[in-house]
Amino acid sequence: MSEAPGTHRPQAPVHTPLHAPLAYRLRWRPEGVFPGAHPGHGEGMEGEFRRLVPLLRQPDPRRLDLRASLRDPFGDLHVRQFAPRRAVAVAALVDVSGSMRFGEAVRGRVADLCGLLALSAVRSGDSFALFSCDAHLREEASLPLARRRGLEEEVRQRLMAVRPQGRGTAGLMEATERLPARRSLVFLVSDFLMPLDELDRLLDALWRHDVIPVRVADSALEDALPRWGLIEIADLESGASRLVFMRPGLRERWQMRAREHRAALAHSFARRGLRDFELHDRLDHEALARRLLEG
């Protein structure tokens, strides 16, 4: 599944300027002590108003609501109860194995995506980490959790400098051990051409986190295939190449195999309550914004 038409000439990646940070909705109420933008678990002194409760139930006169207490026909005192807002950790686990070299995906739209995610996280008061992986964790193309100004450009520069290479994505499993123990928001970015049993093990290792799979795709792999002609097929992970005479029947089998693989991926994600986001030839900011707000 790592083969690609060798006649496709690499082009310089086209970068779009980072837009305004995107809001994202969590599917859980985070715990922790760091204030942030997300409604958290438990109670706090400030945050999102939850309800009024009797003073005897929550004996904290600092939150006394005089107006509600004066309206109570039984003369009971009421205090305001708030849901605290907490920060979370956001991480991007990026596949930089050889197959991701096709179309300069990592240096282009993947770098744009991760830069935008870092910007959005920092502006929300969250921390962001980048882990680039092939058969091993690529330390030179990774960044630990941070929430400093300018982090988005550091993320983009790291990904623009990395050269995808090698076989395998075992480094993604290694990266799961670097994630915080608390539940985090994790973007798993890959073309997902690895064996499905390997993907299942990876997803199982991320069980405690809220995972958004991001499938990197390129229209040149399917839509741009000729019906007739001699094309060069290259395995971007091993470097081997061969000539293939493309014809309608072979083209249809190629496309059918790709559709079957996508269906198997969707099934593997759905069994864990996950739904992927497709990152095609260019980052679609509006589609990404909609997906993040869905949680």
Protein backbone atom coordinates (compact mmCIF):
# COMPACT_ATOMS: atom_id res chain seq x y z
CA MET A 1 0.00 0.00 0.00
CA SER A 2 3.00 2.29 -0.01
CA GLU A 3 3.30 2.39 -3.78
CA ALA A 4 2.83 5.61 -5.69
CA PRO A 5 3.12 6.64 -9.31
CA GLY A 6 6.75 7.50 -9.82
CA THR A 7 5.97 9.85 -12.68
CA HIS A 8 4.53 12.34 -10.20
CA ARG A 9 7.13 15.06 -9.93
CA PRO A 10 7.53 16.53 -6.41
CA GLN A 11 6.52 20.16 -6.25
CA ALA A 12 7.44 22.73 -3.68
CA PRO A 13 4.74 22.68 -0.98
CA VAL A 14 2.30 25.56 -1.08
CA HIS A 15 1.78 27.07 2.35
CA THR A 16 -1.23 29.11 3.33
CA PRO A 17 -0.89 31.75 6.04
CA LEU A 18 -2.18 30.67 9.42
CA HIS A 19 -5.75 31.83 9.87
CA ALA A 20 -7.31 32.89 13.13
CA PRO A 21 -7.14 30.15 15.78
CA LEU A 22 -9.94 27.58 15.66
CA ALA A 23 -12.22 26.70 18.54
CA TYR A 24 -12.57 23.04 19.46
CA ARG A 25 -15.10 21.25 21.62
CA LEU A 26 -14.14 18.45 23.97
CA ARG A 27 -16.27 15.37 24.48
CA TRP A 28 -15.41 15.23 28.16
CA ARG A 29 -14.98 17.54 31.13
CA PRO A 30 -11.25 17.80 31.91
CA GLU A 31 -9.80 17.67 35.38
CA GLY A 32 -6.62 19.32 36.57
CA VAL A 33 -5.56 22.58 38.20
CA PHE A 34 -4.60 24.80 35.26
CA PRO A 35 -7.29 27.30 34.23
CA GLY A 36 -8.34 27.22 30.59
CA ALA A 37 -11.22 27.57 28.18
CA HIS A 38 -12.99 24.23 28.60
CA PRO A 39 -15.81 23.47 31.09
CA GLY A 40 -14.16 21.19 33.62
CA HIS A 41 -15.07 18.50 36.08
CA GLY A 42 -16.08 19.43 39.62
CA GLU A 43 -16.79 22.85 41.09
CA GLY A 44 -14.92 26.12 41.15
CA MET A 45 -15.03 29.72 42.27
CA GLU A 46 -15.56 30.94 38.72
CA GLY A 47 -16.26 29.62 35.26
CA GLU A 48 -19.48 28.57 33.60
CA PHE A 49 -22.57 29.11 35.76
CA ARG A 50 -24.14 25.75 36.54
CA ARG A 51 -27.07 26.27 38.96
CA LEU A 52 -28.24 27.65 42.29
CA VAL A 53 -28.04 25.38 45.32
CA PRO A 54 -29.03 25.88 49.00
CA LEU A 55 -26.36 27.33 51.27
CA LEU A 56 -26.68 24.29 53.55
CA ARG A 57 -25.79 22.04 50.66
CA GLN A 58 -22.74 24.12 49.71
CA PRO A 59 -21.72 26.24 52.71
CA ASP A 60 -19.76 28.94 50.92
CA PRO A 61 -21.13 32.42 51.68
CA ARG A 62 -18.76 33.98 49.13
CA ARG A 63 -21.06 32.71 46.38
CA LEU A 64 -24.27 33.93 47.99
CA ASP A 65 -26.88 35.10 45.48
CA LEU A 66 -28.83 37.80 47.31
CA ARG A 67 -31.47 38.27 44.61
CA ALA A 68 -32.37 34.58 44.48
CA SER A 69 -32.31 34.34 48.28
CA LEU A 70 -34.69 37.30 48.69
CA ARG A 71 -37.14 35.77 46.21
CA ASP A 72 -37.25 32.42 48.00
CA PRO A 73 -40.70 32.12 49.69
CA PHE A 74 -39.25 29.96 52.47
CA GLY A 75 -36.41 32.32 53.25
CA ASP A 76 -33.68 29.89 52.29
CA LEU A 77 -30.29 31.22 51.25
CA HIS A 78 -28.90 30.21 47.84
CA VAL A 79 -25.37 30.18 46.49
CA ARG A 80 -24.14 30.08 42.92
CA GLN A 81 -22.43 26.92 41.69
CA PHE A 82 -19.96 27.10 38.80
CA ALA A 83 -18.33 24.60 36.50
CA PRO A 84 -14.62 25.50 36.45
CA ARG A 85 -12.82 25.99 33.16
CA ARG A 86 -9.70 23.93 32.73
CA ALA A 87 -6.81 23.57 30.28
CA VAL A 88 -5.96 20.34 28.47
CA ALA A 89 -2.97 18.95 26.63
CA VAL A 90 -3.20 18.78 22.83
CA ALA A 91 -0.77 16.61 20.86
CA ALA A 92 -0.15 15.76 17.22
CA LEU A 93 1.33 12.34 16.44
CA VAL A 94 2.60 12.62 12.86
CA ASP A 95 3.62 9.72 10.64
CA VAL A 96 6.80 10.66 8.75
CA SER A 97 7.55 7.26 7.26
CA GLY A 98 8.54 7.00 3.60
CA SER A 99 5.00 6.78 2.21
CA MET A 100 4.25 10.26 3.61
CA ARG A 101 6.86 11.72 1.26
CA PHE A 102 4.45 11.57 -1.67
CA GLY A 103 3.30 14.99 -2.80
CA GLU A 104 5.42 16.73 -0.12
CA ALA A 105 2.49 16.20 2.26
CA VAL A 106 4.45 16.62 5.50
CA ARG A 107 6.26 19.80 4.42
CA GLY A 108 3.03 21.25 3.04
CA ARG A 109 -0.46 20.68 4.35
CA VAL A 110 0.57 18.60 7.38
CA ALA A 111 2.88 21.39 8.56
CA ASP A 112 0.05 23.91 8.03
CA LEU A 113 -2.39 21.72 9.95
CA CYS A 114 -0.13 21.19 12.95
CA GLY A 115 0.87 24.87 13.03
CA LEU A 116 -2.79 25.86 13.12
CA LEU A 117 -3.52 23.32 15.87
CA ALA A 118 -0.61 24.67 17.94
CA LEU A 119 -1.84 28.24 17.48
CA SER A 120 -5.38 27.27 18.45
CA ALA A 121 -4.22 25.38 21.53
CA VAL A 122 -1.99 28.18 22.85
CA ARG A 123 -4.67 30.83 22.30
CA SER A 124 -7.11 28.66 24.29
CA GLY A 125 -4.67 28.37 27.19
CA ASP A 126 -3.83 24.74 26.36
CA SER A 127 -0.43 23.17 25.85
CA PHE A 128 0.65 21.54 22.58
CA ALA A 129 3.16 18.83 21.72
CA LEU A 130 4.44 17.45 18.41
CA PHE A 131 5.73 13.91 17.95
CA SER A 132 7.07 12.97 14.51
CA CYS A 133 7.57 9.25 13.99
CA ASP A 134 8.66 6.65 11.48
CA ALA A 135 10.12 3.37 12.73
CA HIS A 136 11.35 5.43 15.69
CA LEU A 137 10.42 8.66 17.41
CA ARG A 138 12.20 11.45 15.52
CA GLU A 139 13.44 13.69 18.33
CA GLU A 140 14.75 16.37 15.96
CA ALA A 141 11.26 16.81 14.50
CA SER A 142 9.37 16.75 17.80
CA LEU A 143 8.53 19.26 20.51
CA PRO A 144 7.45 18.63 24.12
CA LEU A 145 4.31 20.11 25.64
CA ALA A 146 4.46 23.90 25.74
CA ARG A 147 2.17 26.92 25.56
CA ARG A 148 4.61 29.67 24.64
CA ARG A 149 4.07 32.42 22.09
CA GLY A 150 5.30 31.57 18.61
CA LEU A 151 4.99 27.82 19.13
CA GLU A 152 3.02 27.46 15.88
CA GLU A 153 5.99 28.60 13.80
CA GLU A 154 8.33 26.22 15.65
CA VAL A 155 5.96 23.38 14.82
CA ARG A 156 5.79 24.31 11.15
CA GLN A 157 9.55 24.67 10.86
CA ARG A 158 10.17 21.27 12.44
CA LEU A 159 7.85 19.57 9.96
CA MET A 160 9.11 21.52 6.98
CA ALA A 161 12.65 20.39 7.78
CA VAL A 162 11.92 16.68 8.23
CA ARG A 163 12.40 14.22 5.37
CA PRO A 164 9.97 11.27 5.55
CA GLN A 165 11.87 8.04 5.16
CA GLY A 166 12.05 4.39 6.11
CA ARG A 167 9.58 1.62 6.70
CA GLY A 168 7.12 1.27 9.52
CA THR A 169 5.43 3.49 12.06
CA ALA A 170 6.56 1.81 15.29
CA GLY A 171 7.65 5.23 16.53
CA LEU A 172 3.99 6.17 16.93
CA MET A 173 3.68 3.50 19.63
CA GLU A 174 6.77 4.96 21.30
CA ALA A 175 5.16 8.40 21.20
CA THR A 176 2.08 7.18 23.09
CA GLU A 177 4.32 6.73 26.12
CA ARG A 178 5.26 10.44 26.00
CA LEU A 179 1.63 11.59 26.29
CA PRO A 180 0.31 12.86 29.64
CA ALA A 181 -1.40 10.42 31.97
CA ARG A 182 -4.50 12.63 32.00
CA ARG A 183 -6.88 12.47 29.10
CA SER A 184 -5.68 14.63 26.23
CA LEU A 185 -6.81 15.65 22.77
CA VAL A 186 -4.65 13.74 20.27
CA PHE A 187 -4.50 14.24 16.50
CA LEU A 188 -3.16 11.11 14.79
CA VAL A 189 -1.89 12.26 11.38
CA SER A 190 -1.02 9.60 8.79
CA ASP A 191 -1.89 8.13 5.41
CA PHE A 192 -2.80 4.99 7.43
CA LEU A 193 -1.20 2.65 4.91
CA MET A 194 0.17 0.51 7.73
CA PRO A 195 -1.27 -2.99 8.32
CA LEU A 196 -4.64 -2.85 10.06
CA ASP A 197 -3.52 -4.99 13.01
CA GLU A 198 -0.72 -2.46 13.63
CA LEU A 199 -3.25 0.36 13.52
CA ASP A 200 -5.51 -1.48 15.97
CA ARG A 201 -2.66 -1.83 18.45
CA LEU A 202 -1.89 1.86 18.14
CA LEU A 203 -5.50 2.91 18.69
CA ASP A 204 -5.76 0.57 21.68
CA ALA A 205 -2.66 2.21 23.18
CA LEU A 206 -4.44 5.58 22.91
CA TRP A 207 -7.57 4.36 24.72
CA ARG A 208 -7.54 6.97 27.47
CA HIS A 209 -7.29 9.92 25.08
CA ASP A 210 -9.74 11.67 22.77
CA VAL A 211 -8.30 10.81 19.34
CA ILE A 212 -9.04 12.52 16.02
CA PRO A 213 -7.50 10.52 13.16
CA VAL A 214 -6.39 12.74 10.27
CA ARG A 215 -6.04 10.77 7.04
CA VAL A 216 -3.61 12.35 4.59
CA ALA A 217 -4.71 11.72 0.99
CA ASP A 218 -3.62 12.84 -2.47
CA SER A 219 -5.87 12.87 -5.53
CA ALA A 220 -2.90 11.93 -7.73
CA LEU A 221 -2.88 8.45 -6.21
CA GLU A 222 -6.37 7.60 -7.52
CA ASP A 223 -8.16 10.27 -9.53
CA ALA A 224 -5.18 11.22 -11.71
CA LEU A 225 -4.30 7.69 -12.78
CA PRO A 226 -4.41 7.30 -16.58
CA ARG A 227 -6.69 4.69 -18.15
CA TRP A 228 -3.94 3.69 -20.56
CA GLY A 229 -0.22 4.22 -20.45
CA LEU A 230 3.14 3.17 -19.08
CA ILE A 231 3.76 4.53 -15.59
CA GLU A 232 6.52 4.05 -13.05
CA ILE A 233 5.45 2.71 -9.65
CA ALA A 234 7.73 3.50 -6.71
CA ASP A 235 7.70 2.13 -3.18
CA LEU A 236 8.56 5.24 -1.19
CA GLU A 237 9.57 3.24 1.88
CA SER A 238 11.96 0.74 0.25
CA GLY A 239 12.99 2.84 -2.75
CA ALA A 240 12.19 0.03 -5.22
CA SER A 241 10.46 0.95 -8.47
CA ARG A 242 8.99 -0.82 -11.49
CA LEU A 243 7.22 -0.04 -14.74
CA VAL A 244 3.53 -0.91 -15.06
CA PHE A 245 1.33 -0.80 -18.13
CA MET A 246 -1.85 0.88 -16.85
CA ARG A 247 -5.12 -0.22 -18.40
CA PRO A 248 -8.78 0.22 -17.39
CA GLY A 249 -9.04 -3.13 -15.58
CA LEU A 250 -5.88 -2.57 -13.54
CA ARG A 251 -6.94 1.02 -12.79
CA GLU A 252 -10.30 -0.22 -11.48
CA ARG A 253 -8.63 -2.85 -9.27
CA TRP A 254 -6.26 -0.20 -7.90
CA GLN A 255 -9.17 2.09 -7.04
CA MET A 256 -11.22 -0.76 -5.59
CA ARG A 257 -8.33 -1.75 -3.34
CA ALA A 258 -8.08 1.85 -2.12
CA ARG A 259 -11.84 1.97 -1.42
CA GLU A 260 -11.70 -1.30 0.50
CA HIS A 261 -8.81 -0.02 2.61
CA ARG A 262 -10.71 3.19 3.41
CA ALA A 263 -13.75 1.14 4.43
CA ALA A 264 -11.60 -1.02 6.70
CA LEU A 265 -10.12 2.11 8.29
CA ALA A 266 -13.57 3.59 8.87
CA HIS A 267 -14.70 0.33 10.51
CA SER A 268 -11.65 0.26 12.79
CA PHE A 269 -12.27 3.88 13.83
CA ALA A 270 -16.03 3.40 14.28
CA ARG A 271 -15.52 0.43 16.64
CA ARG A 272 -13.80 2.87 18.99
CA GLY A 273 -16.23 5.73 18.51
CA LEU A 274 -13.80 7.67 16.30
CA ARG A 275 -14.35 9.49 13.02
CA ASP A 276 -11.49 10.60 10.83
CA PHE A 277 -10.87 13.93 9.14
CA GLU A 278 -9.58 13.74 5.57
CA LEU A 279 -6.70 16.05 4.71
CA HIS A 280 -6.66 16.12 0.92
CA ASP A 281 -4.50 18.14 -1.45
CA ARG A 282 -4.80 21.32 0.62
CA LEU A 283 -5.86 22.15 4.16
CA ASP A 284 -9.56 23.13 4.18
CA HIS A 285 -9.90 25.51 7.13
CA GLU A 286 -13.70 25.60 7.05
CA ALA A 287 -14.03 21.83 7.04
CA LEU A 288 -11.51 21.56 9.88
CA ALA A 289 -13.37 24.19 11.91
CA ARG A 290 -16.63 22.26 11.51
CA ARG A 291 -14.99 19.00 12.52
CA LEU A 292 -13.42 20.47 15.65
CA LEU A 293 -16.70 21.95 16.83
CA GLU A 294 -18.39 18.57 16.47
CA GLY A 295 -16.11 17.14 19.15
